[in-house]
Amino acid sequence: MEIQKEESVGKIIRLFVRIDGREIGHAFLCLCKNDQHEQPFGLMEDVFISEECRGRGLGTKLANKLIAEAKKQNCYKLVACSRHSRPRVHKMYLKLGFQDWGKEFRINF
């Protein structure tokens, strides 16, 4: 058996929020393709609102915009990851319609 490599090009869409010309938040939509589906899947990554601007619903608005963009890009699913230590974020994701689907395992390099 030989493991082979094939590269494909993905797409990353960066959404951001500015107040008075200063960026106070951002989120990334990473579009990926696999052989099991015709449509891409989306990964919602690094949703961030500056600490002094949290609690105003900006993160929810940003996430909703990202969800709409994933639908526009014809994604068959959208995955959002979050650390265990972020229960407020988890609550927001559940309100947005995400399901607690499993665990994330990762290796930091």
N, C-alpha and C. Protein backbone atom coordinates (compact mmCIF):
# COMPACT_ATOMS: atom_id res chain seq x y z
N MET A 1 0.84 -1.18 0.00
CA MET A 1 0.00 0.00 0.00
C MET A 1 0.89 1.25 0.00
N GLU A 2 0.49 2.19 -0.80
CA GLU A 2 1.21 3.46 -0.85
C GLU A 2 0.21 4.60 -0.67
N ILE A 3 0.45 5.46 0.26
CA ILE A 3 -0.40 6.64 0.45
C ILE A 3 0.08 7.73 -0.49
N GLN A 4 -0.85 8.23 -1.28
CA GLN A 4 -0.50 9.25 -2.26
C GLN A 4 -1.09 10.59 -1.85
N LYS A 5 -0.66 11.61 -2.52
CA LYS A 5 -1.08 12.97 -2.19
C LYS A 5 -1.67 13.64 -3.42
N GLU A 6 -2.78 14.34 -3.19
CA GLU A 6 -3.40 15.14 -4.23
C GLU A 6 -3.83 16.46 -3.59
N GLU A 7 -3.43 17.56 -4.16
CA GLU A 7 -3.77 18.86 -3.59
C GLU A 7 -4.97 19.45 -4.31
N SER A 8 -5.78 20.15 -3.54
CA SER A 8 -6.89 20.89 -4.13
C SER A 8 -6.90 22.29 -3.52
N VAL A 9 -7.54 23.18 -4.20
CA VAL A 9 -7.57 24.57 -3.75
C VAL A 9 -8.89 24.81 -3.04
N GLY A 10 -8.81 25.37 -1.85
CA GLY A 10 -10.00 25.76 -1.10
C GLY A 10 -10.22 27.25 -1.22
N LYS A 11 -11.17 27.72 -0.47
CA LYS A 11 -11.51 29.14 -0.50
C LYS A 11 -11.72 29.59 0.93
N ILE A 12 -11.21 30.75 1.27
CA ILE A 12 -11.40 31.32 2.60
C ILE A 12 -12.03 32.69 2.44
N ILE A 13 -13.12 32.90 3.16
CA ILE A 13 -13.82 34.18 3.16
C ILE A 13 -13.68 34.78 4.55
N ARG A 14 -13.19 36.00 4.62
CA ARG A 14 -13.00 36.69 5.90
C ARG A 14 -14.06 37.77 6.04
N LEU A 15 -14.85 37.67 7.10
CA LEU A 15 -15.83 38.69 7.43
C LEU A 15 -15.28 39.50 8.60
N PHE A 16 -15.59 40.78 8.64
CA PHE A 16 -15.09 41.59 9.74
C PHE A 16 -16.07 42.72 10.06
N VAL A 17 -15.94 43.25 11.27
CA VAL A 17 -16.79 44.33 11.77
C VAL A 17 -15.89 45.50 12.15
N ARG A 18 -16.27 46.68 11.68
CA ARG A 18 -15.54 47.89 12.06
C ARG A 18 -16.50 48.85 12.74
N ILE A 19 -16.01 49.52 13.76
CA ILE A 19 -16.73 50.61 14.42
C ILE A 19 -15.79 51.80 14.43
N ASP A 20 -16.26 52.90 13.89
CA ASP A 20 -15.46 54.13 13.81
C ASP A 20 -14.10 53.87 13.15
N GLY A 21 -14.10 53.05 12.11
CA GLY A 21 -12.88 52.79 11.37
C GLY A 21 -11.94 51.77 11.99
N ARG A 22 -12.28 51.27 13.17
CA ARG A 22 -11.43 50.30 13.87
C ARG A 22 -12.06 48.92 13.81
N GLU A 23 -11.28 47.94 13.39
CA GLU A 23 -11.79 46.57 13.35
C GLU A 23 -11.93 46.03 14.77
N ILE A 24 -13.15 45.60 15.10
CA ILE A 24 -13.39 45.08 16.46
C ILE A 24 -13.80 43.61 16.44
N GLY A 25 -13.90 43.02 15.25
CA GLY A 25 -14.27 41.61 15.19
C GLY A 25 -14.05 41.03 13.81
N HIS A 26 -13.95 39.70 13.78
CA HIS A 26 -13.78 39.01 12.50
C HIS A 26 -14.20 37.55 12.65
N ALA A 27 -14.36 36.90 11.51
CA ALA A 27 -14.64 35.46 11.45
C ALA A 27 -14.21 34.98 10.07
N PHE A 28 -13.85 33.72 10.01
CA PHE A 28 -13.41 33.12 8.75
C PHE A 28 -14.34 31.97 8.37
N LEU A 29 -14.69 31.91 7.10
CA LEU A 29 -15.41 30.78 6.54
C LEU A 29 -14.45 30.07 5.60
N CYS A 30 -14.05 28.87 5.96
CA CYS A 30 -13.16 28.06 5.14
C CYS A 30 -14.02 27.06 4.38
N LEU A 31 -13.93 27.09 3.07
CA LEU A 31 -14.70 26.18 2.22
C LEU A 31 -13.80 25.05 1.77
N CYS A 32 -14.27 23.84 1.99
CA CYS A 32 -13.48 22.64 1.68
C CYS A 32 -14.34 21.68 0.86
N LYS A 33 -13.68 20.90 0.07
CA LYS A 33 -14.36 19.92 -0.78
C LYS A 33 -13.86 18.53 -0.42
N ASN A 34 -14.76 17.55 -0.44
CA ASN A 34 -14.33 16.16 -0.32
C ASN A 34 -15.06 15.32 -1.36
N ASP A 35 -14.60 14.12 -1.56
CA ASP A 35 -15.15 13.27 -2.63
C ASP A 35 -16.52 12.70 -2.32
N GLN A 36 -16.99 12.83 -1.08
CA GLN A 36 -18.26 12.24 -0.69
C GLN A 36 -19.47 13.11 -1.06
N HIS A 37 -19.22 14.38 -1.35
CA HIS A 37 -20.32 15.31 -1.63
C HIS A 37 -19.98 16.21 -2.82
N GLU A 38 -21.00 16.58 -3.56
CA GLU A 38 -20.81 17.51 -4.67
C GLU A 38 -20.54 18.92 -4.16
N GLN A 39 -21.22 19.30 -3.08
CA GLN A 39 -21.08 20.64 -2.53
C GLN A 39 -19.92 20.69 -1.54
N PRO A 40 -19.40 21.88 -1.27
CA PRO A 40 -18.35 22.01 -0.26
C PRO A 40 -18.96 21.98 1.15
N PHE A 41 -18.10 21.80 2.13
CA PHE A 41 -18.53 22.02 3.52
C PHE A 41 -17.80 23.24 4.02
N GLY A 42 -18.37 23.87 5.04
CA GLY A 42 -17.78 25.07 5.59
C GLY A 42 -17.27 24.85 7.01
N LEU A 43 -16.21 25.52 7.33
CA LEU A 43 -15.67 25.54 8.68
C LEU A 43 -15.69 26.99 9.16
N MET A 44 -16.45 27.26 10.21
CA MET A 44 -16.49 28.59 10.80
C MET A 44 -15.34 28.65 11.81
N GLU A 45 -14.41 29.55 11.56
CA GLU A 45 -13.17 29.57 12.32
C GLU A 45 -12.89 30.96 12.87
N ASP A 46 -12.36 31.01 14.06
CA ASP A 46 -11.83 32.22 14.68
C ASP A 46 -12.85 33.36 14.72
N VAL A 47 -14.05 33.05 15.22
CA VAL A 47 -15.05 34.10 15.43
C VAL A 47 -14.57 34.90 16.65
N PHE A 48 -14.38 36.20 16.46
CA PHE A 48 -13.79 37.01 17.52
C PHE A 48 -14.41 38.40 17.55
N ILE A 49 -14.75 38.85 18.75
CA ILE A 49 -15.18 40.23 19.00
C ILE A 49 -14.31 40.76 20.13
N SER A 50 -13.78 41.97 19.96
CA SER A 50 -12.95 42.58 21.01
C SER A 50 -13.69 42.57 22.34
N GLU A 51 -12.95 42.31 23.39
CA GLU A 51 -13.56 42.16 24.71
C GLU A 51 -14.43 43.34 25.11
N GLU A 52 -13.98 44.56 24.81
CA GLU A 52 -14.74 45.74 25.21
C GLU A 52 -16.04 45.91 24.41
N CYS A 53 -16.20 45.15 23.34
CA CYS A 53 -17.40 45.25 22.50
C CYS A 53 -18.32 44.04 22.65
N ARG A 54 -17.99 43.11 23.49
CA ARG A 54 -18.81 41.91 23.67
C ARG A 54 -20.09 42.24 24.44
N GLY A 55 -21.08 41.38 24.28
CA GLY A 55 -22.34 41.55 24.98
C GLY A 55 -23.34 42.45 24.25
N ARG A 56 -23.01 42.87 23.05
CA ARG A 56 -23.89 43.75 22.27
C ARG A 56 -24.57 43.02 21.12
N GLY A 57 -24.34 41.73 21.00
CA GLY A 57 -24.93 40.96 19.91
C GLY A 57 -24.13 40.98 18.62
N LEU A 58 -22.94 41.58 18.66
CA LEU A 58 -22.13 41.68 17.44
C LEU A 58 -21.63 40.30 16.99
N GLY A 59 -21.26 39.45 17.93
CA GLY A 59 -20.81 38.10 17.57
C GLY A 59 -21.92 37.30 16.91
N THR A 60 -23.13 37.45 17.42
CA THR A 60 -24.29 36.77 16.83
C THR A 60 -24.54 37.28 15.42
N LYS A 61 -24.48 38.60 15.23
CA LYS A 61 -24.67 39.16 13.89
C LYS A 61 -23.60 38.67 12.92
N LEU A 62 -22.37 38.63 13.39
CA LEU A 62 -21.26 38.16 12.56
C LEU A 62 -21.44 36.69 12.20
N ALA A 63 -21.80 35.87 13.19
CA ALA A 63 -22.02 34.44 12.93
C ALA A 63 -23.19 34.23 11.98
N ASN A 64 -24.27 35.00 12.14
CA ASN A 64 -25.42 34.88 11.22
C ASN A 64 -25.02 35.24 9.80
N LYS A 65 -24.21 36.26 9.64
CA LYS A 65 -23.73 36.65 8.31
C LYS A 65 -22.89 35.53 7.70
N LEU A 66 -22.05 34.90 8.53
CA LEU A 66 -21.22 33.80 8.06
C LEU A 66 -22.08 32.60 7.67
N ILE A 67 -23.11 32.30 8.46
CA ILE A 67 -24.03 31.21 8.12
C ILE A 67 -24.71 31.49 6.78
N ALA A 68 -25.15 32.71 6.59
CA ALA A 68 -25.79 33.09 5.32
C ALA A 68 -24.82 32.93 4.16
N GLU A 69 -23.57 33.29 4.38
CA GLU A 69 -22.56 33.14 3.34
C GLU A 69 -22.30 31.67 3.02
N ALA A 70 -22.28 30.81 4.04
CA ALA A 70 -22.10 29.37 3.82
C ALA A 70 -23.25 28.82 2.98
N LYS A 71 -24.47 29.27 3.25
CA LYS A 71 -25.62 28.84 2.44
C LYS A 71 -25.47 29.35 1.00
N LYS A 72 -25.05 30.60 0.87
CA LYS A 72 -24.85 31.19 -0.46
C LYS A 72 -23.79 30.41 -1.24
N GLN A 73 -22.78 29.91 -0.55
CA GLN A 73 -21.71 29.13 -1.18
C GLN A 73 -22.12 27.67 -1.40
N ASN A 74 -23.38 27.35 -1.08
CA ASN A 74 -23.96 26.01 -1.29
C ASN A 74 -23.31 24.92 -0.44
N CYS A 75 -22.89 25.26 0.77
CA CYS A 75 -22.30 24.26 1.67
C CYS A 75 -23.36 23.25 2.10
N TYR A 76 -22.99 21.99 2.20
CA TYR A 76 -23.93 20.98 2.69
C TYR A 76 -23.92 20.91 4.21
N LYS A 77 -22.85 21.45 4.85
CA LYS A 77 -22.82 21.54 6.30
C LYS A 77 -21.84 22.66 6.68
N LEU A 78 -22.01 23.13 7.91
CA LEU A 78 -21.12 24.14 8.47
C LEU A 78 -20.70 23.65 9.84
N VAL A 79 -19.41 23.62 10.09
CA VAL A 79 -18.86 23.13 11.35
C VAL A 79 -18.29 24.31 12.12
N ALA A 80 -18.60 24.37 13.41
CA ALA A 80 -18.04 25.40 14.29
C ALA A 80 -17.38 24.71 15.47
N CYS A 81 -16.18 25.11 15.80
CA CYS A 81 -15.45 24.53 16.92
C CYS A 81 -15.30 25.57 18.02
N SER A 82 -15.21 25.11 19.25
CA SER A 82 -15.04 26.02 20.37
C SER A 82 -14.41 25.26 21.53
N ARG A 83 -13.62 25.98 22.31
CA ARG A 83 -13.00 25.36 23.48
C ARG A 83 -14.04 25.08 24.56
N HIS A 84 -13.76 24.08 25.39
CA HIS A 84 -14.66 23.74 26.50
C HIS A 84 -14.87 24.92 27.44
N SER A 85 -13.91 25.79 27.54
CA SER A 85 -13.96 26.91 28.49
C SER A 85 -14.81 28.08 28.00
N ARG A 86 -15.57 27.92 26.92
CA ARG A 86 -16.34 29.03 26.34
C ARG A 86 -17.85 28.75 26.35
N PRO A 87 -18.47 28.56 27.51
CA PRO A 87 -19.90 28.21 27.53
C PRO A 87 -20.81 29.27 26.92
N ARG A 88 -20.44 30.55 27.00
CA ARG A 88 -21.28 31.59 26.39
C ARG A 88 -21.29 31.44 24.87
N VAL A 89 -20.14 31.09 24.31
CA VAL A 89 -20.06 30.86 22.86
C VAL A 89 -20.89 29.64 22.49
N HIS A 90 -20.82 28.59 23.29
CA HIS A 90 -21.59 27.37 23.01
C HIS A 90 -23.09 27.68 23.01
N LYS A 91 -23.52 28.47 23.97
CA LYS A 91 -24.93 28.86 24.06
C LYS A 91 -25.35 29.63 22.80
N MET A 92 -24.49 30.54 22.35
CA MET A 92 -24.79 31.30 21.13
C MET A 92 -24.89 30.36 19.93
N TYR A 93 -23.95 29.42 19.80
CA TYR A 93 -23.99 28.49 18.67
C TYR A 93 -25.28 27.67 18.68
N LEU A 94 -25.70 27.21 19.85
CA LEU A 94 -26.95 26.46 19.94
C LEU A 94 -28.14 27.32 19.52
N LYS A 95 -28.17 28.58 19.95
CA LYS A 95 -29.24 29.50 19.55
C LYS A 95 -29.25 29.72 18.04
N LEU A 96 -28.08 29.67 17.42
CA LEU A 96 -27.98 29.87 15.98
C LEU A 96 -28.40 28.64 15.17
N GLY A 97 -28.64 27.52 15.86
CA GLY A 97 -29.10 26.32 15.18
C GLY A 97 -28.07 25.21 15.07
N PHE A 98 -26.87 25.43 15.58
CA PHE A 98 -25.87 24.36 15.59
C PHE A 98 -26.27 23.29 16.58
N GLN A 99 -25.85 22.06 16.35
CA GLN A 99 -26.04 20.95 17.28
C GLN A 99 -24.70 20.59 17.89
N ASP A 100 -24.72 20.20 19.15
CA ASP A 100 -23.51 19.70 19.80
C ASP A 100 -23.28 18.29 19.24
N TRP A 101 -22.38 18.17 18.29
CA TRP A 101 -22.28 16.97 17.46
C TRP A 101 -21.20 16.01 17.92
N GLY A 102 -20.18 16.48 18.62
CA GLY A 102 -19.12 15.57 19.01
C GLY A 102 -17.96 16.29 19.65
N LYS A 103 -16.82 15.72 19.53
CA LYS A 103 -15.60 16.27 20.10
C LYS A 103 -14.65 16.71 19.00
N GLU A 104 -13.82 17.65 19.36
CA GLU A 104 -12.76 18.07 18.45
C GLU A 104 -11.45 17.60 19.05
N PHE A 105 -10.65 16.94 18.25
CA PHE A 105 -9.31 16.54 18.67
C PHE A 105 -8.32 17.30 17.82
N ARG A 106 -7.26 17.77 18.42
CA ARG A 106 -6.32 18.55 17.63
C ARG A 106 -4.91 18.37 18.15
N ILE A 107 -3.97 18.67 17.27
CA ILE A 107 -2.56 18.70 17.60
C ILE A 107 -2.08 20.10 17.25
N ASN A 108 -1.48 20.78 18.19
CA ASN A 108 -0.89 22.09 17.92
C ASN A 108 0.55 21.89 17.49
N PHE A 109 0.96 22.57 16.45
CA PHE A 109 2.35 22.48 15.96
C PHE A 109 3.06 23.77 16.22
